[in-house]
Amino acid sequence: MEFLANVIVAGQYAAAMAVFAGILTTIGQGNIAGKAIESMARQPEARGSINTAMIISLAMAETNGIYGLVIALLLLFANPLVTRFVEIAQQLNLG
């Protein structure tokens, strides 16, 4: 059963890395918004195109955070590797 515990711990580490990707996404979105506001302040006549590009960029960056959250939840609550390794351990009579 030590093997199963190692699989669960590995899943928790992977979930933590996926959540960390969401944190980095937030930092990236702040950079996107800051640069867009800076660009609009320098060139007010290009406000429309800058705003459109900013919204598209924020939407694309947000999907990374959502994917990280979904992967973290899957690894924590519906990890398919755990059931597979339990089956293998039972076949090999490991516990």
N, C-alpha and C. Protein backbone atom coordinates (compact mmCIF):
# COMPACT_ATOMS: atom_id res chain seq x y z
N MET A 1 0.80 -1.20 0.00
CA MET A 1 0.00 0.00 0.00
C MET A 1 0.85 1.27 0.00
N GLU A 2 2.13 1.11 0.27
CA GLU A 2 3.02 2.26 0.19
C GLU A 2 3.07 2.81 -1.24
N PHE A 3 2.96 1.89 -2.19
CA PHE A 3 2.95 2.28 -3.60
C PHE A 3 1.75 3.17 -3.91
N LEU A 4 0.58 2.80 -3.37
CA LEU A 4 -0.64 3.60 -3.56
C LEU A 4 -0.49 4.97 -2.93
N ALA A 5 0.13 5.02 -1.76
CA ALA A 5 0.35 6.31 -1.09
C ALA A 5 1.25 7.20 -1.94
N ASN A 6 2.26 6.61 -2.56
CA ASN A 6 3.15 7.40 -3.43
C ASN A 6 2.40 7.94 -4.65
N VAL A 7 1.48 7.16 -5.19
CA VAL A 7 0.68 7.62 -6.33
C VAL A 7 -0.21 8.79 -5.91
N ILE A 8 -0.81 8.70 -4.74
CA ILE A 8 -1.67 9.78 -4.25
C ILE A 8 -0.86 11.03 -4.00
N VAL A 9 0.31 10.89 -3.41
CA VAL A 9 1.17 12.06 -3.16
C VAL A 9 1.61 12.70 -4.47
N ALA A 10 1.95 11.88 -5.45
CA ALA A 10 2.34 12.42 -6.76
C ALA A 10 1.18 13.19 -7.39
N GLY A 11 -0.04 12.68 -7.24
CA GLY A 11 -1.21 13.40 -7.75
C GLY A 11 -1.42 14.73 -7.06
N GLN A 12 -1.14 14.76 -5.75
CA GLN A 12 -1.29 16.02 -5.02
C GLN A 12 -0.22 17.03 -5.43
N TYR A 13 0.99 16.57 -5.66
CA TYR A 13 2.03 17.48 -6.15
C TYR A 13 1.68 18.03 -7.54
N ALA A 14 1.16 17.17 -8.40
CA ALA A 14 0.77 17.61 -9.74
C ALA A 14 -0.38 18.61 -9.66
N ALA A 15 -1.32 18.39 -8.74
CA ALA A 15 -2.42 19.34 -8.56
C ALA A 15 -1.90 20.68 -8.07
N ALA A 16 -0.92 20.65 -7.18
CA ALA A 16 -0.34 21.91 -6.70
C ALA A 16 0.35 22.67 -7.83
N MET A 17 1.02 21.95 -8.72
CA MET A 17 1.66 22.62 -9.86
C MET A 17 0.61 23.20 -10.81
N ALA A 18 -0.52 22.50 -10.96
CA ALA A 18 -1.59 23.02 -11.82
C ALA A 18 -2.19 24.29 -11.22
N VAL A 19 -2.35 24.33 -9.90
CA VAL A 19 -2.85 25.55 -9.26
C VAL A 19 -1.83 26.67 -9.38
N PHE A 20 -0.55 26.34 -9.30
CA PHE A 20 0.50 27.34 -9.47
C PHE A 20 0.44 27.96 -10.87
N ALA A 21 0.04 27.17 -11.86
CA ALA A 21 -0.14 27.71 -13.22
C ALA A 21 -1.24 28.76 -13.22
N GLY A 22 -2.28 28.56 -12.41
CA GLY A 22 -3.33 29.56 -12.29
C GLY A 22 -2.84 30.84 -11.66
N ILE A 23 -1.93 30.72 -10.70
CA ILE A 23 -1.36 31.92 -10.07
C ILE A 23 -0.52 32.68 -11.09
N LEU A 24 0.26 31.98 -11.87
CA LEU A 24 1.06 32.64 -12.91
C LEU A 24 0.16 33.29 -13.96
N THR A 25 -0.99 32.68 -14.22
CA THR A 25 -1.94 33.26 -15.16
C THR A 25 -2.42 34.62 -14.67
N THR A 26 -2.68 34.72 -13.37
CA THR A 26 -3.13 35.99 -12.80
C THR A 26 -2.08 37.08 -12.97
N ILE A 27 -0.83 36.72 -12.76
CA ILE A 27 0.25 37.69 -12.96
C ILE A 27 0.32 38.13 -14.42
N GLY A 28 0.18 37.17 -15.32
CA GLY A 28 0.20 37.49 -16.75
C GLY A 28 -0.96 38.38 -17.16
N GLN A 29 -2.13 38.14 -16.59
CA GLN A 29 -3.28 38.98 -16.92
C GLN A 29 -3.07 40.40 -16.41
N GLY A 30 -2.44 40.55 -15.27
CA GLY A 30 -2.13 41.88 -14.78
C GLY A 30 -1.18 42.62 -15.72
N ASN A 31 -0.20 41.89 -16.24
CA ASN A 31 0.73 42.49 -17.20
C ASN A 31 0.01 42.89 -18.49
N ILE A 32 -0.88 42.03 -18.97
CA ILE A 32 -1.62 42.35 -20.19
C ILE A 32 -2.44 43.61 -20.01
N ALA A 33 -3.18 43.69 -18.91
CA ALA A 33 -4.03 44.86 -18.67
C ALA A 33 -3.19 46.12 -18.47
N GLY A 34 -2.10 46.00 -17.75
CA GLY A 34 -1.25 47.17 -17.52
C GLY A 34 -0.64 47.71 -18.80
N LYS A 35 -0.14 46.84 -19.63
CA LYS A 35 0.44 47.28 -20.90
C LYS A 35 -0.62 47.86 -21.83
N ALA A 36 -1.83 47.29 -21.79
CA ALA A 36 -2.90 47.83 -22.65
C ALA A 36 -3.29 49.23 -22.20
N ILE A 37 -3.40 49.43 -20.90
CA ILE A 37 -3.74 50.77 -20.40
C ILE A 37 -2.63 51.76 -20.72
N GLU A 38 -1.40 51.31 -20.59
CA GLU A 38 -0.26 52.17 -20.94
C GLU A 38 -0.30 52.54 -22.42
N SER A 39 -0.62 51.57 -23.26
CA SER A 39 -0.71 51.84 -24.71
C SER A 39 -1.84 52.80 -25.04
N MET A 40 -2.98 52.65 -24.35
CA MET A 40 -4.10 53.55 -24.59
C MET A 40 -3.79 54.98 -24.13
N ALA A 41 -2.98 55.08 -23.08
CA ALA A 41 -2.60 56.42 -22.60
C ALA A 41 -1.66 57.10 -23.59
N ARG A 42 -0.81 56.30 -24.25
CA ARG A 42 0.13 56.89 -25.21
C ARG A 42 -0.52 57.20 -26.55
N GLN A 43 -1.45 56.35 -26.97
CA GLN A 43 -2.12 56.54 -28.27
C GLN A 43 -3.63 56.41 -28.08
N PRO A 44 -4.28 57.47 -27.65
CA PRO A 44 -5.73 57.40 -27.41
C PRO A 44 -6.54 57.10 -28.68
N GLU A 45 -6.01 57.45 -29.84
CA GLU A 45 -6.76 57.20 -31.08
C GLU A 45 -6.83 55.72 -31.42
N ALA A 46 -5.93 54.91 -30.86
CA ALA A 46 -5.92 53.46 -31.14
C ALA A 46 -6.62 52.68 -30.02
N ARG A 47 -7.44 53.36 -29.24
CA ARG A 47 -8.07 52.74 -28.08
C ARG A 47 -8.91 51.52 -28.46
N GLY A 48 -9.66 51.61 -29.53
CA GLY A 48 -10.55 50.52 -29.93
C GLY A 48 -9.82 49.23 -30.26
N SER A 49 -8.78 49.34 -31.07
CA SER A 49 -8.04 48.13 -31.45
C SER A 49 -7.24 47.57 -30.27
N ILE A 50 -6.70 48.45 -29.43
CA ILE A 50 -5.96 47.99 -28.25
C ILE A 50 -6.90 47.29 -27.28
N ASN A 51 -8.09 47.86 -27.09
CA ASN A 51 -9.06 47.26 -26.19
C ASN A 51 -9.50 45.89 -26.68
N THR A 52 -9.71 45.76 -27.98
CA THR A 52 -10.10 44.47 -28.55
C THR A 52 -9.00 43.43 -28.36
N ALA A 53 -7.77 43.83 -28.64
CA ALA A 53 -6.64 42.91 -28.47
C ALA A 53 -6.48 42.52 -27.01
N MET A 54 -6.71 43.46 -26.10
CA MET A 54 -6.59 43.16 -24.68
C MET A 54 -7.64 42.15 -24.24
N ILE A 55 -8.88 42.34 -24.68
CA ILE A 55 -9.96 41.41 -24.29
C ILE A 55 -9.67 40.01 -24.80
N ILE A 56 -9.22 39.89 -26.05
CA ILE A 56 -8.90 38.58 -26.62
C ILE A 56 -7.74 37.94 -25.85
N SER A 57 -6.73 38.74 -25.54
CA SER A 57 -5.58 38.21 -24.81
C SER A 57 -5.95 37.77 -23.40
N LEU A 58 -6.80 38.54 -22.73
CA LEU A 58 -7.25 38.15 -21.39
C LEU A 58 -8.07 36.86 -21.43
N ALA A 59 -8.90 36.72 -22.45
CA ALA A 59 -9.70 35.50 -22.57
C ALA A 59 -8.80 34.28 -22.80
N MET A 60 -7.79 34.44 -23.65
CA MET A 60 -6.87 33.33 -23.90
C MET A 60 -6.05 33.00 -22.66
N ALA A 61 -5.65 34.01 -21.90
CA ALA A 61 -4.88 33.76 -20.68
C ALA A 61 -5.74 33.11 -19.61
N GLU A 62 -7.01 33.47 -19.57
CA GLU A 62 -7.90 32.91 -18.55
C GLU A 62 -8.13 31.42 -18.76
N THR A 63 -8.11 30.98 -20.03
CA THR A 63 -8.31 29.55 -20.27
C THR A 63 -7.20 28.73 -19.64
N ASN A 64 -6.00 29.25 -19.57
CA ASN A 64 -4.90 28.53 -18.93
C ASN A 64 -5.20 28.32 -17.45
N GLY A 65 -5.71 29.34 -16.79
CA GLY A 65 -6.06 29.21 -15.38
C GLY A 65 -7.20 28.23 -15.16
N ILE A 66 -8.18 28.25 -16.06
CA ILE A 66 -9.31 27.33 -15.94
C ILE A 66 -8.84 25.90 -16.17
N TYR A 67 -7.97 25.68 -17.15
CA TYR A 67 -7.44 24.33 -17.38
C TYR A 67 -6.66 23.84 -16.16
N GLY A 68 -5.88 24.73 -15.56
CA GLY A 68 -5.14 24.35 -14.36
C GLY A 68 -6.07 23.95 -13.22
N LEU A 69 -7.16 24.69 -13.05
CA LEU A 69 -8.12 24.36 -12.00
C LEU A 69 -8.80 23.03 -12.28
N VAL A 70 -9.20 22.80 -13.52
CA VAL A 70 -9.86 21.54 -13.88
C VAL A 70 -8.91 20.36 -13.67
N ILE A 71 -7.68 20.50 -14.08
CA ILE A 71 -6.70 19.42 -13.90
C ILE A 71 -6.45 19.16 -12.43
N ALA A 72 -6.34 20.22 -11.63
CA ALA A 72 -6.13 20.04 -10.19
C ALA A 72 -7.30 19.31 -9.56
N LEU A 73 -8.53 19.69 -9.91
CA LEU A 73 -9.70 19.02 -9.34
C LEU A 73 -9.77 17.55 -9.77
N LEU A 74 -9.44 17.29 -11.02
CA LEU A 74 -9.43 15.89 -11.48
C LEU A 74 -8.39 15.06 -10.75
N LEU A 75 -7.21 15.62 -10.56
CA LEU A 75 -6.17 14.87 -9.88
C LEU A 75 -6.47 14.64 -8.40
N LEU A 76 -7.17 15.57 -7.79
CA LEU A 76 -7.47 15.43 -6.36
C LEU A 76 -8.69 14.56 -6.09
N PHE A 77 -9.73 14.66 -6.92
CA PHE A 77 -10.98 14.00 -6.59
C PHE A 77 -11.38 12.87 -7.53
N ALA A 78 -10.83 12.81 -8.71
CA ALA A 78 -11.22 11.76 -9.67
C ALA A 78 -9.99 11.21 -10.38
N ASN A 79 -8.95 10.96 -9.62
CA ASN A 79 -7.68 10.53 -10.22
C ASN A 79 -7.82 9.11 -10.77
N PRO A 80 -7.77 8.94 -12.09
CA PRO A 80 -7.92 7.60 -12.66
C PRO A 80 -6.73 6.70 -12.37
N LEU A 81 -5.58 7.28 -12.07
CA LEU A 81 -4.41 6.45 -11.80
C LEU A 81 -4.54 5.67 -10.50
N VAL A 82 -5.25 6.21 -9.53
CA VAL A 82 -5.38 5.53 -8.24
C VAL A 82 -6.12 4.21 -8.41
N THR A 83 -7.26 4.23 -9.09
CA THR A 83 -8.01 2.99 -9.27
C THR A 83 -7.23 1.99 -10.13
N ARG A 84 -6.51 2.49 -11.11
CA ARG A 84 -5.72 1.59 -11.96
C ARG A 84 -4.61 0.93 -11.16
N PHE A 85 -3.93 1.70 -10.32
CA PHE A 85 -2.86 1.12 -9.52
C PHE A 85 -3.38 0.19 -8.43
N VAL A 86 -4.58 0.42 -7.93
CA VAL A 86 -5.20 -0.52 -6.98
C VAL A 86 -5.47 -1.84 -7.69
N GLU A 87 -5.95 -1.77 -8.92
CA GLU A 87 -6.19 -3.01 -9.69
C GLU A 87 -4.89 -3.77 -9.92
N ILE A 88 -3.84 -3.05 -10.28
CA ILE A 88 -2.54 -3.70 -10.53
C ILE A 88 -2.00 -4.32 -9.24
N ALA A 89 -2.13 -3.60 -8.13
CA ALA A 89 -1.64 -4.11 -6.85
C ALA A 89 -2.42 -5.36 -6.44
N GLN A 90 -3.72 -5.41 -6.71
CA GLN A 90 -4.49 -6.58 -6.39
C GLN A 90 -4.10 -7.77 -7.27
N GLN A 91 -3.80 -7.52 -8.52
CA GLN A 91 -3.37 -8.59 -9.42
C GLN A 91 -2.02 -9.16 -8.99
N LEU A 92 -1.16 -8.29 -8.48
CA LEU A 92 0.18 -8.73 -8.07
C LEU A 92 0.22 -9.15 -6.60
N ASN A 93 -0.93 -9.13 -5.92
CA ASN A 93 -1.04 -9.48 -4.50
C ASN A 93 -0.11 -8.65 -3.64
N LEU A 94 -0.10 -7.33 -3.88
CA LEU A 94 0.73 -6.42 -3.08
C LEU A 94 -0.02 -5.84 -1.90
N GLY A 95 -1.27 -6.09 -1.78
CA GLY A 95 -1.97 -5.55 -0.62
C GLY A 95 -3.35 -5.37 -0.96
